[in-house]
Amino acid sequence: MALTLVLAVATFYACKEDAPKIIQNANSGGALGTSYHLIYQSETQLDFQKEIDSVFEVVNRSLSTYLPDSDISKINEGDSTIVVDIMFKEVFELSKEIHGKTKGFFDPTVGVLVNAWGFGPGNRLQMDSTVVDSLMQYVGFEKVTLTDTRTIQKSDPQLRFDFNAIAKGYAIDRLAVLMDEKGIENYLLEVGGEVVAKGENKIKKKPWTAGIEDPQAEAGRRLKRAIHLKDRALASSGNYRKFRIDSLTGKKYVHTINPKTGFTQNSSTLGTNVLAKTCAEADAYATAFMAMDLDEVIDLLETEKELDAYIVYLNEAGESKEYMTEGFRKLILD
């Protein structure tokens, strides 16, 4: 018995000494009009910069409205012969699904409105009810179709896609696929504040953590919450520094485009943060939640159990309040 114990202890320490050293690899830079910081851990020194650049390049070539020769830009200009790639197809189909679940509050055909309000690559217009009404005929996801041959049919050539509210999240998902294909089991990928985490931080022997910005920090950046993140994606939305003060009530309101009305909508929602199995989903829902009433968001979250959310909003008295799902609450760091 004693000999068996000694051998077991010796074996334990031998295994401990032979345990491979974990190396933290990192790549950072600029892409998709923002910055990215990618951390992936392995037993050997790795550098996937070329592969990472390739992911951003193919996503841009398919989905960037800021590149005139991208597929989406050509489609927006009326080219109906473009055969879209698998990425465009996946984003289109996921957008259609979320469009339905949000009852139209997520709508990538708002491109004409995004441009008109001055938030896109197109020309800004002087907006009033007459102009908005004239543009709304070119908005509506039910007016576009992805054919069996992967071409896009539009009810009117002036319909314009804008996938910016889902494309960044999708790009991070593609980076996660890259890491999975390379056999990386522990990584934290962040692009423009959107995050995908897998496994844990093996070096620190702790879960990955992600910070939630305070939407009421009017100067600089300030964290409001921090959460554990494992095998999940986090996306946030909010016009943190774009707001107006009501001259009569003193209340602060952010602005966001409501795809149902075509107008920038005064909203009491300051910031939305969504957890989902993919970052594309989290990105799209976070955007839609900015335009939806809080009651509508809560109803959707009760149905879509795979989603968790944390929302900062103003009540009727103009006081800052929070809503979060129980799943989100469990991840908060003390």
Foldseek 3Di string as FASTA:
>chain_A
DVVVVVVVVVVVVVCVVVPADKDWEWDWDDAPNFIKIKIFIDSDHDDCVVVLVVLRVLLCLAAPCVDCNRVQNCQQQPPQPDQGDPLVVVLLVVQVVVCVLLVNLQFQQCVVLCQCCPNDPHHHHDDDLVVLVVCLVLTDSVQWDQDPRRTIDGVDSNRHGHLVLQSVLVSVVVVVVVCVVVVTQFMWIDIPQKIATADADPVVPGADKHFDWDLQPQDDTDTDFMFGHHQKIKDKDFPSNAWDADPVQRAIFHWDAGSVSSGTDTFQWGMKMKIANTRSVRSSVNNSVRNDDPVSVVVSCVVVVRMWMKTWGADPNNDIDIDTDPVRVVGTDD
